[in-house]
Protein backbone atom coordinates (compact mmCIF):
# COMPACT_ATOMS: atom_id res chain seq x y z
CA MET A 1 -20.11 19.82 -11.41
CA LYS A 2 -18.47 18.04 -14.35
CA VAL A 3 -14.94 17.59 -14.78
CA ALA A 4 -12.83 17.83 -17.81
CA GLU A 5 -13.67 14.38 -19.90
CA ARG A 6 -10.09 13.69 -19.65
CA LEU A 7 -9.82 13.32 -16.44
CA GLY A 8 -12.35 10.33 -16.78
CA ASN A 9 -9.78 8.43 -18.44
CA LEU A 10 -7.48 8.42 -15.15
CA PRO A 11 -7.71 5.77 -12.84
CA PRO A 12 -7.00 6.49 -8.92
CA TYR A 13 -3.53 7.17 -8.11
CA MET A 14 -2.17 3.64 -6.88
CA PHE A 15 -0.12 4.96 -4.13
CA ALA A 16 -2.87 7.17 -2.77
CA VAL A 17 -5.07 4.05 -2.35
CA LEU A 18 -2.42 1.90 -0.70
CA ASP A 19 -2.03 4.72 1.83
CA GLU A 20 -5.69 4.66 2.02
CA LYS A 21 -6.10 1.19 2.83
CA ALA A 22 -2.83 1.19 4.96
CA GLY A 23 -4.72 3.55 7.26
CA GLU A 24 -7.92 1.61 7.33
CA LYS A 25 -5.78 -0.62 8.71
CA ARG A 26 -4.30 1.10 11.28
CA GLY A 27 -7.26 2.26 12.20
CA GLU A 28 -8.21 -1.05 13.22
CA GLY A 29 -4.77 -1.55 15.07
CA ILE A 30 -2.86 -3.61 12.72
CA ASP A 31 0.82 -2.46 12.63
CA ILE A 32 1.91 -1.84 9.19
CA ILE A 33 4.99 -2.70 7.60
CA SER A 34 5.14 -0.70 4.10
CA PHE A 35 7.08 -2.07 0.94
CA GLY A 36 4.87 0.09 -1.06
CA ILE A 37 5.96 3.69 -2.18
CA GLY A 38 9.59 4.05 -2.85
CA ASP A 39 10.57 6.49 -0.19
CA PRO A 40 14.24 6.87 1.10
CA ASP A 41 14.19 5.91 4.64
CA LEU A 42 17.71 6.99 4.96
CA PRO A 43 18.37 10.73 5.77
CA THR A 44 19.57 13.31 3.32
CA PRO A 45 23.61 13.24 4.08
CA GLU A 46 24.12 15.87 6.77
CA PHE A 47 26.49 18.23 4.75
CA ILE A 48 23.68 18.51 2.04
CA VAL A 49 20.87 19.90 4.94
CA ASP A 50 23.92 21.94 6.30
CA SER A 51 24.00 23.92 2.41
CA LEU A 52 20.38 24.06 2.91
CA ARG A 53 19.91 25.88 6.28
CA GLU A 54 22.82 28.17 5.22
CA ALA A 55 21.27 28.91 1.87
CA ALA A 56 17.87 29.75 3.39
CA GLY A 57 18.92 31.80 5.69
CA ARG A 58 20.26 34.07 2.85
CA LYS A 59 18.07 37.31 1.94
CA GLU A 60 18.88 37.02 -2.16
CA ASN A 61 17.57 33.24 -1.97
CA MET A 62 14.41 33.98 -0.78
CA GLY A 63 12.93 35.58 -3.85
CA TYR A 64 11.22 33.91 -6.74
CA PRO A 65 13.55 31.64 -8.48
CA SER A 66 13.58 31.06 -12.36
CA SER A 67 11.53 28.37 -14.08
CA GLU A 68 14.31 27.28 -15.69
CA GLY A 69 16.77 27.24 -13.00
CA GLU A 70 19.95 29.50 -12.05
CA ARG A 71 22.26 29.58 -13.78
CA PHE A 72 24.65 28.03 -10.95
CA PHE A 73 22.51 25.24 -10.67
CA ARG A 74 22.30 24.35 -14.40
CA GLU A 75 26.00 24.93 -14.59
CA ALA A 76 26.45 22.17 -11.88
CA ILE A 77 24.35 20.09 -13.83
CA ALA A 78 26.64 20.30 -16.88
CA ASP A 79 29.59 19.72 -14.56
CA TRP A 80 27.88 16.64 -13.16
CA TYR A 81 27.21 15.19 -16.15
CA LYS A 82 30.86 15.82 -17.72
CA ILE A 83 32.10 13.96 -14.71
CA ARG A 84 29.68 11.16 -14.00
CA PHE A 85 28.95 10.34 -17.76
CA GLY A 86 31.50 12.01 -20.08
CA VAL A 87 28.64 14.04 -21.69
CA ASP A 88 29.12 17.75 -22.48
CA LEU A 89 25.86 20.06 -22.19
CA ASP A 90 25.35 23.79 -22.50
CA PRO A 91 23.83 24.82 -19.17
CA GLU A 92 22.11 27.63 -21.17
CA LYS A 93 20.28 25.54 -23.70
CA GLU A 94 20.60 21.94 -22.67
CA ALA A 95 19.53 21.59 -19.06
CA ILE A 96 16.58 22.68 -16.99
CA ALA A 97 15.80 22.49 -13.43
CA LEU A 98 12.51 20.91 -12.56
CA ILE A 99 10.38 20.29 -9.64
CA GLY A 100 10.88 16.58 -9.07
CA SER A 101 11.35 14.87 -12.10
CA LYS A 102 7.87 13.40 -11.95
CA GLU A 103 6.70 16.90 -12.93
CA GLY A 104 9.07 17.15 -15.79
CA LEU A 105 7.89 13.89 -17.12
CA ALA A 106 4.47 15.26 -17.23
CA ASN A 107 5.26 18.77 -18.30
CA ILE A 108 7.08 17.63 -21.59
CA ALA A 109 4.65 16.10 -23.24
CA ARG A 110 2.29 19.22 -23.20
CA GLY A 111 5.43 20.69 -25.27
CA PHE A 112 4.83 18.22 -28.06
CA VAL A 113 1.72 16.14 -27.73
CA ASN A 114 -1.41 16.87 -29.72
CA PRO A 115 -4.76 15.28 -28.96
CA GLY A 116 -4.84 12.24 -30.92
CA ASP A 117 -1.01 11.75 -31.20
CA ARG A 118 0.38 8.51 -30.08
CA VAL A 119 3.03 8.18 -27.38
CA LEU A 120 5.01 4.93 -26.63
CA VAL A 121 4.74 3.74 -22.71
CA PRO A 122 6.35 0.67 -21.30
CA ASP A 123 3.76 -1.56 -19.40
CA PRO A 124 4.36 -2.15 -16.76
CA ALA A 125 5.50 1.39 -16.04
CA TYR A 126 5.87 4.26 -13.70
CA PRO A 127 2.36 5.45 -13.93
CA VAL A 128 2.80 9.20 -15.25
CA TYR A 129 4.17 8.31 -18.41
CA LYS A 130 1.02 7.13 -19.51
CA PHE A 131 -1.18 9.08 -17.19
CA GLY A 132 0.27 12.31 -16.64
CA ALA A 133 1.94 12.60 -19.92
CA ALA A 134 -0.08 11.19 -22.73
CA ILE A 135 -3.39 11.35 -21.33
CA LEU A 136 -3.54 14.49 -19.70
CA CYS A 137 -2.56 15.75 -23.14
CA GLU A 138 -5.05 13.69 -25.02
CA GLY A 139 -2.61 11.58 -26.53
CA VAL A 140 -3.18 8.07 -27.35
CA PRO A 141 -0.74 5.91 -25.10
CA VAL A 142 0.53 2.98 -26.96
CA ASP A 143 2.06 0.03 -24.99
CA MET A 144 5.24 -1.51 -25.29
CA PRO A 145 5.08 -4.85 -23.09
CA LEU A 146 7.95 -5.47 -21.15
CA LYS A 147 8.13 -9.35 -20.70
CA GLU A 148 10.57 -11.72 -18.41
CA GLU A 149 11.30 -13.63 -21.45
CA ASN A 150 13.13 -10.50 -22.41
CA GLY A 151 14.80 -9.48 -19.40
CA PHE A 152 12.03 -6.86 -19.29
CA LEU A 153 13.60 -4.70 -21.78
CA ILE A 154 11.56 -3.06 -24.60
CA ASP A 155 11.45 -5.39 -27.61
CA ILE A 156 12.66 -3.03 -30.38
CA ASN A 157 12.31 -5.37 -33.31
CA ASN A 158 8.66 -5.62 -32.46
CA LEU A 159 8.26 -1.99 -32.56
CA ARG A 160 9.81 -2.26 -35.93
CA GLU A 161 7.64 -5.10 -37.19
CA ARG A 162 4.76 -3.29 -36.30
CA GLY A 163 5.87 -0.12 -38.13
CA GLU A 164 5.01 1.74 -34.93
CA LYS A 165 4.36 5.65 -35.66
CA ALA A 166 4.44 7.48 -32.66
CA LYS A 167 5.22 11.60 -31.49
CA MET A 168 7.27 10.51 -28.23
CA MET A 169 8.46 7.55 -26.13
CA PHE A 170 9.04 7.03 -22.45
CA PHE A 171 11.45 4.45 -20.92
CA GLY A 172 13.48 3.97 -18.15
CA TYR A 173 16.46 2.26 -17.37
CA PRO A 174 17.41 0.74 -14.43
CA ASN A 175 13.89 -0.01 -14.17
CA ASN A 176 10.89 1.05 -12.33
CA PRO A 177 9.17 -1.35 -11.26
CA THR A 178 10.89 -4.36 -13.15
CA THR A 179 14.32 -3.63 -11.80
CA ALA A 180 15.58 -4.66 -15.37
CA VAL A 181 18.83 -2.50 -16.41
CA GLY A 182 20.24 -2.30 -20.02
CA ASN A 183 23.05 -2.34 -21.72
CA ASP A 184 24.93 -0.45 -24.23
CA ASP A 185 23.56 -2.55 -27.47
CA PHE A 186 20.06 -2.25 -26.00
CA PHE A 187 20.32 1.97 -25.84
CA ARG A 188 21.92 2.01 -29.12
CA GLU A 189 18.71 0.10 -30.58
CA VAL A 190 16.57 2.54 -29.10
CA ALA A 191 18.47 5.50 -30.30
CA GLU A 192 18.24 3.91 -33.58
CA PHE A 193 14.51 3.53 -33.58
CA GLY A 194 13.99 7.13 -32.40
CA GLU A 195 16.40 8.36 -35.38
CA ASP A 196 14.79 6.00 -37.92
CA TYR A 197 10.82 7.01 -36.74
CA ASN A 198 11.64 10.53 -35.77
CA VAL A 199 10.53 9.81 -32.31
CA ILE A 200 11.06 12.23 -29.19
CA LEU A 201 12.81 9.61 -27.02
CA CYS A 202 12.50 10.58 -23.28
CA HIS A 203 14.83 8.55 -20.78
CA ASP A 204 13.87 8.62 -16.89
CA ASN A 205 17.16 7.92 -15.48
CA ALA A 206 16.07 8.56 -11.59
CA TYR A 207 17.82 4.97 -10.68
CA SER A 208 21.40 5.81 -12.39
CA GLU A 209 23.04 5.79 -9.22
CA ILE A 210 21.19 3.00 -7.35
CA THR A 211 23.03 0.12 -8.43
CA TYR A 212 24.71 -2.93 -7.63
CA ASP A 213 27.77 -4.02 -9.41
CA TYR A 214 26.58 -2.52 -12.18
CA LYS A 215 27.42 1.30 -13.84
CA ALA A 216 24.42 2.82 -15.23
CA PRO A 217 24.99 4.70 -18.21
CA SER A 218 23.31 7.86 -19.32
CA PHE A 219 21.46 7.58 -22.42
CA LEU A 220 22.62 10.91 -23.89
CA GLN A 221 25.97 9.01 -24.40
CA PHE A 222 24.49 7.23 -27.33
CA TYR A 223 22.17 9.67 -28.39
CA ARG A 224 22.16 13.24 -28.65
CA ASN A 225 18.36 13.92 -30.26
CA GLY A 226 16.56 13.10 -26.66
CA VAL A 227 16.09 14.30 -23.49
CA GLU A 228 17.28 12.27 -20.08
CA PHE A 229 15.76 12.88 -16.21
CA HIS A 230 16.98 12.70 -13.20
CA SER A 231 16.59 14.19 -9.41
CA CYS A 232 18.23 13.99 -6.09
CA SER A 233 15.43 12.17 -4.70
CA LYS A 234 16.80 8.55 -4.95
CA THR A 235 20.68 9.26 -5.20
CA PHE A 236 20.65 11.57 -1.97
CA ASN A 237 17.54 10.70 -0.10
CA MET A 238 15.81 14.08 -1.06
CA THR A 239 12.50 13.31 -2.02
CA GLY A 240 11.15 15.74 0.25
CA PHE A 241 13.36 18.56 -1.57
CA ARG A 242 11.40 18.16 -4.90
CA ILE A 243 14.33 19.07 -7.15
CA GLY A 244 15.30 17.32 -10.00
CA PHE A 245 16.60 18.41 -13.76
CA CYS A 246 16.32 17.44 -17.57
CA VAL A 247 19.19 17.60 -20.24
CA GLY A 248 19.49 16.97 -23.60
CA ASN A 249 18.26 18.14 -27.16
CA ALA A 250 18.47 22.25 -27.18
CA GLU A 251 15.38 22.18 -29.05
CA ILE A 252 13.32 19.58 -26.82
CA ILE A 253 14.73 21.63 -23.61
CA GLY A 254 13.56 24.99 -25.03
CA ALA A 255 9.71 23.67 -25.60
CA LEU A 256 9.90 22.28 -21.89
CA LYS A 257 11.07 25.48 -20.74
CA LYS A 258 8.23 26.97 -22.49
CA VAL A 259 5.83 25.24 -20.74
CA LYS A 260 7.21 25.80 -17.50
CA SER A 261 7.46 29.43 -17.83
CA GLN A 262 3.61 29.44 -17.83
CA VAL A 263 2.71 26.94 -15.48
CA ASP A 264 5.14 27.58 -12.40
CA SER A 265 7.70 29.72 -10.79
CA GLY A 266 10.52 27.26 -10.88
CA ALA A 267 12.31 25.13 -7.65
CA SER A 268 13.21 27.87 -4.66
CA VAL A 269 16.77 28.87 -5.07
CA PHE A 270 18.02 27.66 -1.51
CA THR A 271 16.74 23.86 -2.76
CA GLN A 272 19.02 24.55 -5.94
CA GLN A 273 22.03 24.97 -3.70
CA ALA A 274 21.53 22.10 -1.86
CA CYS A 275 21.49 20.00 -5.31
CA VAL A 276 24.58 21.80 -6.05
CA THR A 277 26.26 20.79 -2.96
CA ALA A 278 24.75 17.24 -3.56
CA LEU A 279 26.32 17.12 -7.28
CA ARG A 280 29.84 18.79 -6.57
CA SER A 281 30.00 15.31 -4.41
CA TYR A 282 31.41 13.38 -7.50
CA THR A 283 34.49 14.40 -8.01
CA SER A 284 34.83 11.28 -10.43
CA ASP A 285 32.58 9.18 -11.91
CA GLU A 286 32.49 6.64 -9.40
CA LYS A 287 29.95 7.37 -6.46
CA PRO A 288 31.18 9.10 -3.43
CA GLU A 289 30.95 8.08 0.06
CA CYS A 290 27.47 9.30 1.07
CA VAL A 291 25.91 7.58 -2.12
CA ARG A 292 28.00 4.41 -1.35
CA ARG A 293 27.30 4.32 2.51
CA THR A 294 23.49 4.39 1.12
CA LEU A 295 23.99 1.51 -1.39
CA ASP A 296 25.42 -0.98 1.60
CA ILE A 297 22.50 -0.92 3.33
CA TYR A 298 20.13 -1.34 0.57
CA LYS A 299 22.24 -3.95 -0.73
CA GLY A 300 22.26 -5.59 2.79
CA ARG A 301 18.20 -5.35 2.76
CA ARG A 302 18.35 -6.49 -0.67
CA ASP A 303 19.74 -9.66 0.23
CA VAL A 304 17.48 -10.32 3.24
CA LEU A 305 14.27 -9.79 1.18
CA VAL A 306 15.18 -11.79 -2.09
CA ASN A 307 16.75 -14.66 0.04
CA GLY A 308 13.76 -14.74 2.22
CA LEU A 309 10.64 -14.69 -0.45
CA ASN A 310 12.72 -16.82 -2.77
CA GLU A 311 12.66 -19.15 0.35
CA LEU A 312 8.88 -18.72 0.90
CA GLY A 313 8.23 -19.48 -3.05
CA LEU A 314 7.82 -16.46 -4.55
CA LYS A 315 10.43 -16.18 -7.70
CA CYS A 316 12.21 -12.90 -7.92
CA GLU A 317 15.85 -12.08 -8.69
CA LYS A 318 18.41 -9.89 -6.68
CA PRO A 319 18.32 -6.27 -8.92
CA ARG A 320 20.89 -5.00 -10.18
CA GLY A 321 19.33 -1.54 -9.86
CA THR A 322 16.82 0.26 -8.17
CA PHE A 323 15.61 -0.43 -4.57
CA TYR A 324 12.64 -2.73 -5.65
CA VAL A 325 12.02 -6.34 -5.94
CA TRP A 326 9.90 -7.55 -8.79
CA ALA A 327 8.34 -10.76 -7.61
CA LYS A 328 6.34 -13.44 -9.18
CA VAL A 329 3.56 -14.56 -7.71
CA GLY A 330 1.04 -16.00 -10.54
CA GLY A 331 -2.66 -15.15 -10.43
CA SER A 332 -3.95 -12.06 -9.26
CA SER A 333 -1.63 -9.19 -7.76
CA ILE A 334 -4.50 -7.49 -6.31
CA GLU A 335 -5.17 -10.54 -4.14
CA PHE A 336 -1.69 -10.86 -3.14
CA ALA A 337 -1.49 -7.52 -2.15
CA SER A 338 -4.89 -7.83 -0.37
CA LYS A 339 -3.99 -11.08 1.53
CA LEU A 340 -0.57 -9.62 2.57
CA LEU A 341 -2.59 -6.58 4.01
CA ASP A 342 -4.52 -8.70 6.09
CA VAL A 343 -1.32 -8.97 8.07
CA GLY A 344 -0.09 -5.49 8.04
CA VAL A 345 2.20 -5.74 5.22
CA VAL A 346 2.17 -3.67 2.09
CA VAL A 347 3.35 -4.53 -1.48
CA SER A 348 2.33 -2.60 -4.68
CA PRO A 349 0.02 -4.82 -7.01
CA GLY A 350 2.44 -5.48 -10.31
CA VAL A 351 -1.69 -5.02 -12.36
CA SER A 352 -1.20 -1.36 -10.99
CA PHE A 353 1.74 -0.80 -13.23
CA GLY A 354 0.05 -2.02 -16.35
CA GLU A 355 -1.92 -5.21 -17.68
CA TYR A 356 1.77 -6.66 -17.94
CA GLY A 357 2.48 -6.23 -14.35
CA GLU A 358 0.07 -9.17 -13.90
CA GLY A 359 1.27 -11.83 -12.00
CA TYR A 360 4.00 -9.47 -10.26
CA VAL A 361 4.02 -7.46 -6.74
CA ARG A 362 6.71 -4.45 -6.12
CA PHE A 363 8.45 -4.30 -2.69
CA SER A 364 10.65 -1.55 -1.99
CA PHE A 365 13.23 -2.10 0.21
CA THR A 366 13.44 0.98 1.95
CA VAL A 367 12.58 -0.30 4.97
CA PRO A 368 15.31 -1.22 8.10
CA THR A 369 16.36 -4.72 7.91
CA GLU A 370 14.69 -5.83 11.18
CA ARG A 371 11.17 -4.82 9.74
CA ILE A 372 11.79 -6.48 6.55
CA LYS A 373 12.76 -9.99 8.50
CA GLU A 374 9.44 -9.03 10.48
CA ALA A 375 7.30 -9.07 7.15
CA LEU A 376 8.78 -12.33 5.97
CA GLU A 377 7.90 -14.00 9.15
CA ARG A 378 4.10 -12.52 8.39
CA ILE A 379 4.23 -13.18 4.82
CA GLY A 380 5.17 -16.88 5.87
CA ASP A 381 2.24 -17.37 8.21
CA LYS A 382 -0.06 -16.28 5.78
CA LEU A 383 0.92 -18.00 2.45
């Protein structure tokens, strides 16, 4: 049986490969400490779980949902954007529910990218931009290198010098995997580029609330002709709920709605209700207590991990956003990750995020502090 040629252009999904290799080590009796996939280990706040239980028990919530999201959910999204970012949205035309933001990031390209269209993607980056969006639509991904000397920000001047023509551009700050954050001037530069070159700008803002001594903006504060993606996965430890949303330009949202109407039947109504409960915990632009508690834990873990890695000679900075550490290892990131796997420590090789990720590895500190300390001891013994 011959699969579609486009599938031949896809590499194995890196987290599936990591899970498989970790499983092999477990089979050998090795205790695994995984810093691989960024899956929060902290529980979903109880008030959100209670909301889900209550909503799931109501008969009216058991039928098919709308693929664009229930009106009450889209209104809650608009309210949250107004409270958190000061951005006004029309919940009817400028907001749509997603089955997790990853789904939306892939499907947005299906609404615009034709075979041969160029799609600007960061490198290194979350793989869905290049593979789930560009390549599965038979578009041509064009790398935008994220380099340490530029603070891992997209070099907009370089794009202009190249006279880059593209249909769509993906980017995200706070950034996965580099942990870089963007300031207002950077977002304005991106907005001007999108306007000048008529590029559809897609900002992945999944980590806007996972920040330390930094307050992430919304790209829509600077540019209203693009779209922005969010989810409750990181902010409220709701990865398994598979609920997110996309907001912004009505024409772009309309195309995404049309795509989704043909490929899914929407997120469950009771999951949307739980997300509304989560979003309503914001009564001002400051993070609510449940999010602050999570960040306090992450910050303590971050400091232990970063200090320990630097003591071992691995150069890394304390991230101001995300729950990752981007550590410089020099040499082959795959060889380094394989060496750590021998002692039961799983990290993500930088090259699996793109060519310019070589020489780095990503640690996710969604791991208890005691396990981080244990992992540091193992790494020290191996290096």
